[in-house]
N, C-alpha and C. Protein backbone atom coordinates (compact mmCIF):
# COMPACT_ATOMS: atom_id res chain seq x y z
N MET A 1 10.57 19.49 2.73
CA MET A 1 10.41 18.41 1.78
C MET A 1 9.55 18.91 0.62
N PRO A 2 9.98 18.71 -0.61
CA PRO A 2 9.21 19.21 -1.76
C PRO A 2 7.92 18.41 -1.97
N ALA A 3 6.92 19.10 -2.51
CA ALA A 3 5.66 18.42 -2.85
C ALA A 3 5.96 17.29 -3.82
N GLY A 4 5.34 16.19 -3.61
CA GLY A 4 5.57 15.02 -4.46
C GLY A 4 6.59 14.07 -3.88
N ALA A 5 7.31 14.47 -2.83
CA ALA A 5 8.32 13.60 -2.23
C ALA A 5 7.65 12.35 -1.62
N TYR A 6 6.49 12.54 -1.06
CA TYR A 6 5.74 11.42 -0.47
C TYR A 6 5.40 10.40 -1.57
N LEU A 7 4.95 10.89 -2.72
CA LEU A 7 4.63 10.02 -3.84
C LEU A 7 5.88 9.28 -4.32
N VAL A 8 7.00 9.98 -4.42
CA VAL A 8 8.26 9.36 -4.85
C VAL A 8 8.68 8.27 -3.86
N ALA A 9 8.54 8.55 -2.57
CA ALA A 9 8.90 7.56 -1.55
C ALA A 9 8.03 6.31 -1.65
N ILE A 10 6.74 6.50 -1.87
CA ILE A 10 5.84 5.35 -2.01
C ILE A 10 6.21 4.54 -3.24
N LEU A 11 6.43 5.20 -4.37
CA LEU A 11 6.79 4.50 -5.60
C LEU A 11 8.12 3.77 -5.47
N PHE A 12 9.10 4.39 -4.81
CA PHE A 12 10.40 3.76 -4.58
C PHE A 12 10.23 2.50 -3.71
N SER A 13 9.43 2.60 -2.66
CA SER A 13 9.18 1.46 -1.79
C SER A 13 8.44 0.35 -2.52
N LEU A 14 7.47 0.73 -3.34
CA LEU A 14 6.72 -0.25 -4.12
C LEU A 14 7.64 -0.96 -5.10
N ALA A 15 8.54 -0.23 -5.73
CA ALA A 15 9.51 -0.86 -6.64
C ALA A 15 10.39 -1.84 -5.89
N GLY A 16 10.78 -1.49 -4.67
CA GLY A 16 11.58 -2.41 -3.86
C GLY A 16 10.84 -3.70 -3.56
N MET A 17 9.56 -3.61 -3.29
CA MET A 17 8.76 -4.81 -3.03
C MET A 17 8.65 -5.68 -4.29
N VAL A 18 8.52 -5.03 -5.44
CA VAL A 18 8.46 -5.78 -6.70
C VAL A 18 9.77 -6.53 -6.92
N VAL A 19 10.90 -5.86 -6.65
CA VAL A 19 12.21 -6.51 -6.80
C VAL A 19 12.32 -7.71 -5.86
N ILE A 20 11.92 -7.55 -4.61
CA ILE A 20 11.97 -8.67 -3.66
C ILE A 20 11.07 -9.79 -4.12
N ASP A 21 9.85 -9.46 -4.54
CA ASP A 21 8.90 -10.47 -5.01
C ASP A 21 9.47 -11.25 -6.18
N ARG A 22 10.06 -10.55 -7.14
CA ARG A 22 10.61 -11.19 -8.33
C ARG A 22 11.87 -12.01 -8.03
N THR A 23 12.81 -11.43 -7.28
CA THR A 23 14.07 -12.14 -7.02
C THR A 23 13.87 -13.35 -6.13
N GLN A 24 12.90 -13.28 -5.24
CA GLN A 24 12.62 -14.41 -4.36
C GLN A 24 11.59 -15.37 -4.96
N ARG A 25 11.10 -15.03 -6.13
CA ARG A 25 10.11 -15.85 -6.85
C ARG A 25 8.89 -16.20 -5.97
N LEU A 26 8.36 -15.16 -5.34
CA LEU A 26 7.20 -15.37 -4.48
C LEU A 26 5.90 -15.44 -5.29
N GLY A 27 5.87 -14.80 -6.45
CA GLY A 27 4.70 -14.86 -7.33
C GLY A 27 3.48 -14.15 -6.76
N ILE A 28 3.69 -13.11 -6.00
CA ILE A 28 2.57 -12.42 -5.36
C ILE A 28 1.92 -11.41 -6.29
N LEU A 29 2.72 -10.73 -7.10
CA LEU A 29 2.18 -9.71 -7.99
C LEU A 29 1.25 -10.39 -8.98
N GLY A 30 -0.03 -10.21 -8.79
CA GLY A 30 -1.03 -10.86 -9.63
C GLY A 30 -2.35 -10.95 -8.89
N ARG A 31 -3.03 -12.06 -9.03
CA ARG A 31 -4.36 -12.25 -8.47
C ARG A 31 -4.42 -12.04 -6.96
N ARG A 32 -3.47 -12.58 -6.22
CA ARG A 32 -3.48 -12.45 -4.77
C ARG A 32 -3.40 -10.99 -4.35
N LEU A 33 -2.59 -10.23 -5.04
CA LEU A 33 -2.45 -8.81 -4.70
C LEU A 33 -3.73 -8.05 -5.02
N VAL A 34 -4.32 -8.33 -6.15
CA VAL A 34 -5.55 -7.64 -6.54
C VAL A 34 -6.66 -7.92 -5.52
N VAL A 35 -6.79 -9.17 -5.09
CA VAL A 35 -7.81 -9.52 -4.10
C VAL A 35 -7.54 -8.79 -2.79
N ALA A 36 -6.29 -8.78 -2.34
CA ALA A 36 -5.96 -8.10 -1.08
C ALA A 36 -6.23 -6.61 -1.17
N VAL A 37 -5.86 -6.00 -2.28
CA VAL A 37 -6.06 -4.56 -2.43
C VAL A 37 -7.55 -4.23 -2.49
N VAL A 38 -8.31 -4.96 -3.26
CA VAL A 38 -9.74 -4.66 -3.40
C VAL A 38 -10.47 -4.89 -2.08
N VAL A 39 -10.22 -6.03 -1.45
CA VAL A 39 -10.95 -6.36 -0.22
C VAL A 39 -10.52 -5.47 0.94
N VAL A 40 -9.22 -5.34 1.14
CA VAL A 40 -8.74 -4.60 2.30
C VAL A 40 -8.77 -3.10 2.05
N GLU A 41 -8.21 -2.67 0.94
CA GLU A 41 -8.08 -1.23 0.70
C GLU A 41 -9.41 -0.57 0.38
N LEU A 42 -10.06 -1.02 -0.66
CA LEU A 42 -11.26 -0.33 -1.11
C LEU A 42 -12.45 -0.54 -0.18
N ALA A 43 -12.58 -1.73 0.35
CA ALA A 43 -13.75 -2.03 1.17
C ALA A 43 -13.63 -1.51 2.59
N PHE A 44 -12.43 -1.32 3.09
CA PHE A 44 -12.30 -0.93 4.49
C PHE A 44 -11.41 0.28 4.72
N LEU A 45 -10.15 0.18 4.34
CA LEU A 45 -9.19 1.22 4.71
C LEU A 45 -9.46 2.57 4.05
N LEU A 46 -9.80 2.57 2.78
CA LEU A 46 -10.08 3.84 2.12
C LEU A 46 -11.35 4.48 2.67
N VAL A 47 -12.35 3.67 2.99
CA VAL A 47 -13.57 4.19 3.61
C VAL A 47 -13.24 4.79 4.98
N PHE A 48 -12.39 4.10 5.74
CA PHE A 48 -11.97 4.61 7.04
C PHE A 48 -11.20 5.91 6.89
N ASP A 49 -10.34 6.01 5.88
CA ASP A 49 -9.59 7.24 5.63
C ASP A 49 -10.53 8.40 5.30
N VAL A 50 -11.50 8.17 4.45
CA VAL A 50 -12.45 9.22 4.08
C VAL A 50 -13.24 9.66 5.31
N LEU A 51 -13.69 8.71 6.10
CA LEU A 51 -14.43 9.03 7.32
C LEU A 51 -13.56 9.83 8.29
N GLY A 52 -12.34 9.37 8.51
CA GLY A 52 -11.44 10.05 9.43
C GLY A 52 -11.07 11.44 8.98
N ALA A 53 -10.81 11.61 7.70
CA ALA A 53 -10.45 12.93 7.18
C ALA A 53 -11.64 13.89 7.23
N SER A 54 -12.82 13.38 6.90
CA SER A 54 -14.00 14.25 6.91
C SER A 54 -14.38 14.68 8.32
N ARG A 55 -14.06 13.87 9.31
CA ARG A 55 -14.37 14.22 10.70
C ARG A 55 -13.22 14.93 11.41
N GLY A 56 -12.10 15.10 10.71
CA GLY A 56 -10.97 15.81 11.29
C GLY A 56 -10.11 14.98 12.22
N TRP A 57 -10.23 13.65 12.16
CA TRP A 57 -9.44 12.78 13.03
C TRP A 57 -7.96 12.80 12.63
N PHE A 58 -7.70 12.98 11.36
CA PHE A 58 -6.33 13.07 10.87
C PHE A 58 -6.32 13.89 9.59
N ALA A 59 -5.14 14.39 9.27
CA ALA A 59 -5.00 15.23 8.08
C ALA A 59 -3.63 15.01 7.47
N SER A 60 -3.51 15.32 6.20
CA SER A 60 -2.24 15.20 5.49
C SER A 60 -1.55 16.56 5.47
N GLU A 61 -0.25 16.53 5.50
CA GLU A 61 0.55 17.76 5.43
C GLU A 61 0.58 18.24 3.98
N PRO A 62 0.02 19.40 3.68
CA PRO A 62 -0.05 19.88 2.30
C PRO A 62 1.31 20.02 1.61
N GLY A 63 2.36 20.26 2.34
CA GLY A 63 3.67 20.43 1.75
C GLY A 63 4.31 19.15 1.25
N TYR A 64 3.80 18.00 1.68
CA TYR A 64 4.40 16.71 1.31
C TYR A 64 3.68 16.00 0.16
N VAL A 65 2.45 16.36 -0.08
CA VAL A 65 1.64 15.65 -1.07
C VAL A 65 1.42 16.53 -2.30
N ILE A 66 1.00 15.90 -3.40
CA ILE A 66 0.80 16.68 -4.63
C ILE A 66 -0.51 17.46 -4.61
N ALA A 67 -1.48 17.01 -3.82
CA ALA A 67 -2.76 17.70 -3.68
C ALA A 67 -3.52 17.07 -2.51
N ILE A 68 -4.53 17.77 -2.05
CA ILE A 68 -5.44 17.20 -1.05
C ILE A 68 -6.84 17.33 -1.62
N LEU A 69 -7.46 16.19 -1.83
CA LEU A 69 -8.79 16.15 -2.43
C LEU A 69 -9.85 16.05 -1.34
N PRO A 70 -11.02 16.61 -1.58
CA PRO A 70 -12.09 16.51 -0.58
C PRO A 70 -12.41 15.04 -0.32
N PRO A 71 -12.56 14.63 0.90
CA PRO A 71 -12.67 15.39 2.14
C PRO A 71 -11.35 15.55 2.89
N GLY A 72 -10.23 15.49 2.23
CA GLY A 72 -8.94 15.68 2.89
C GLY A 72 -7.96 14.55 2.64
N ILE A 73 -8.21 13.77 1.61
CA ILE A 73 -7.37 12.62 1.28
C ILE A 73 -6.44 13.00 0.12
N PRO A 74 -5.14 12.76 0.25
CA PRO A 74 -4.25 13.01 -0.89
C PRO A 74 -4.36 11.89 -1.91
N PRO A 75 -4.07 12.15 -3.17
CA PRO A 75 -4.13 11.09 -4.19
C PRO A 75 -3.14 9.96 -3.91
N GLU A 76 -2.12 10.23 -3.10
CA GLU A 76 -1.14 9.19 -2.77
C GLU A 76 -1.71 8.12 -1.84
N GLU A 77 -2.80 8.42 -1.15
CA GLU A 77 -3.33 7.51 -0.14
C GLU A 77 -3.71 6.13 -0.69
N PRO A 78 -4.47 6.02 -1.78
CA PRO A 78 -4.77 4.67 -2.30
C PRO A 78 -3.51 3.92 -2.71
N LEU A 79 -2.52 4.62 -3.23
CA LEU A 79 -1.26 3.98 -3.61
C LEU A 79 -0.51 3.47 -2.37
N LEU A 80 -0.52 4.26 -1.30
CA LEU A 80 0.10 3.83 -0.06
C LEU A 80 -0.60 2.59 0.49
N LEU A 81 -1.91 2.58 0.46
CA LEU A 81 -2.65 1.43 0.96
C LEU A 81 -2.39 0.18 0.11
N ALA A 82 -2.26 0.37 -1.21
CA ALA A 82 -1.92 -0.76 -2.08
C ALA A 82 -0.52 -1.27 -1.76
N PHE A 83 0.42 -0.34 -1.51
CA PHE A 83 1.77 -0.75 -1.12
C PHE A 83 1.74 -1.56 0.17
N LEU A 84 0.98 -1.11 1.15
CA LEU A 84 0.92 -1.81 2.43
C LEU A 84 0.35 -3.22 2.28
N ALA A 85 -0.66 -3.37 1.41
CA ALA A 85 -1.20 -4.71 1.16
C ALA A 85 -0.15 -5.59 0.49
N TYR A 86 0.56 -5.06 -0.47
CA TYR A 86 1.62 -5.80 -1.17
C TYR A 86 2.76 -6.15 -0.21
N PHE A 87 3.16 -5.19 0.61
CA PHE A 87 4.21 -5.40 1.59
C PHE A 87 3.84 -6.54 2.53
N THR A 88 2.59 -6.56 2.99
CA THR A 88 2.13 -7.61 3.89
C THR A 88 2.22 -8.98 3.23
N LEU A 89 1.83 -9.08 1.97
CA LEU A 89 1.90 -10.36 1.27
C LEU A 89 3.34 -10.80 1.03
N VAL A 90 4.23 -9.86 0.74
CA VAL A 90 5.64 -10.21 0.54
C VAL A 90 6.25 -10.72 1.84
N VAL A 91 5.98 -10.02 2.94
CA VAL A 91 6.50 -10.47 4.24
C VAL A 91 5.93 -11.84 4.60
N GLN A 92 4.65 -12.06 4.35
CA GLN A 92 4.04 -13.36 4.63
C GLN A 92 4.69 -14.44 3.77
N GLY A 93 4.91 -14.16 2.49
CA GLY A 93 5.54 -15.14 1.60
C GLY A 93 6.95 -15.49 2.04
N LEU A 94 7.72 -14.47 2.44
CA LEU A 94 9.08 -14.72 2.92
C LEU A 94 9.07 -15.51 4.22
N ALA A 95 8.17 -15.17 5.13
CA ALA A 95 8.08 -15.90 6.40
C ALA A 95 7.72 -17.35 6.18
N ARG A 96 6.77 -17.61 5.28
CA ARG A 96 6.39 -19.00 4.98
C ARG A 96 7.57 -19.78 4.41
N ARG A 97 8.31 -19.14 3.54
CA ARG A 97 9.47 -19.80 2.94
C ARG A 97 10.51 -20.11 4.02
N TRP A 98 10.80 -19.13 4.85
CA TRP A 98 11.82 -19.31 5.87
C TRP A 98 11.40 -20.32 6.93
N LEU A 99 10.08 -20.45 7.16
CA LEU A 99 9.59 -21.41 8.12
C LEU A 99 9.34 -22.78 7.50
N GLY A 100 9.51 -22.87 6.19
CA GLY A 100 9.37 -24.14 5.50
C GLY A 100 7.94 -24.55 5.24
N GLU A 101 7.01 -23.63 5.27
CA GLU A 101 5.61 -23.96 5.00
C GLU A 101 5.35 -23.98 3.50
N ALA A 102 4.42 -24.82 3.09
CA ALA A 102 4.04 -24.90 1.68
C ALA A 102 3.21 -23.68 1.31
N ASP A 103 3.36 -23.22 0.07
CA ASP A 103 2.58 -22.09 -0.42
C ASP A 103 1.23 -22.62 -0.89
N ASP A 104 0.15 -21.96 -0.47
CA ASP A 104 -1.20 -22.41 -0.82
C ASP A 104 -1.84 -21.57 -1.91
N ALA A 105 -1.03 -20.89 -2.73
CA ALA A 105 -1.58 -19.99 -3.76
C ALA A 105 -2.30 -20.74 -4.81
């Protein structure tokens, strides 16, 4: 797999979530996403990633990422975590719609 393929896959998946969000009119891309990303990603998951990488608990494959920055985190990692937060909100929005629950945004 060429370097940068991981980044391309994340961006492609993120674009797919944007399309679903827009076509289903979920209205997630905005304040709710920023809050989820800041609270979940920056305050917890990225700190956990730095701790885990610095202690050798996990590592990234150098051939798949564009670079590995000290202490062993690729630049794609924050983008992946942002995608996961967005994905979670899209799935929650779709589930609420399908279950007939009111949106509390």
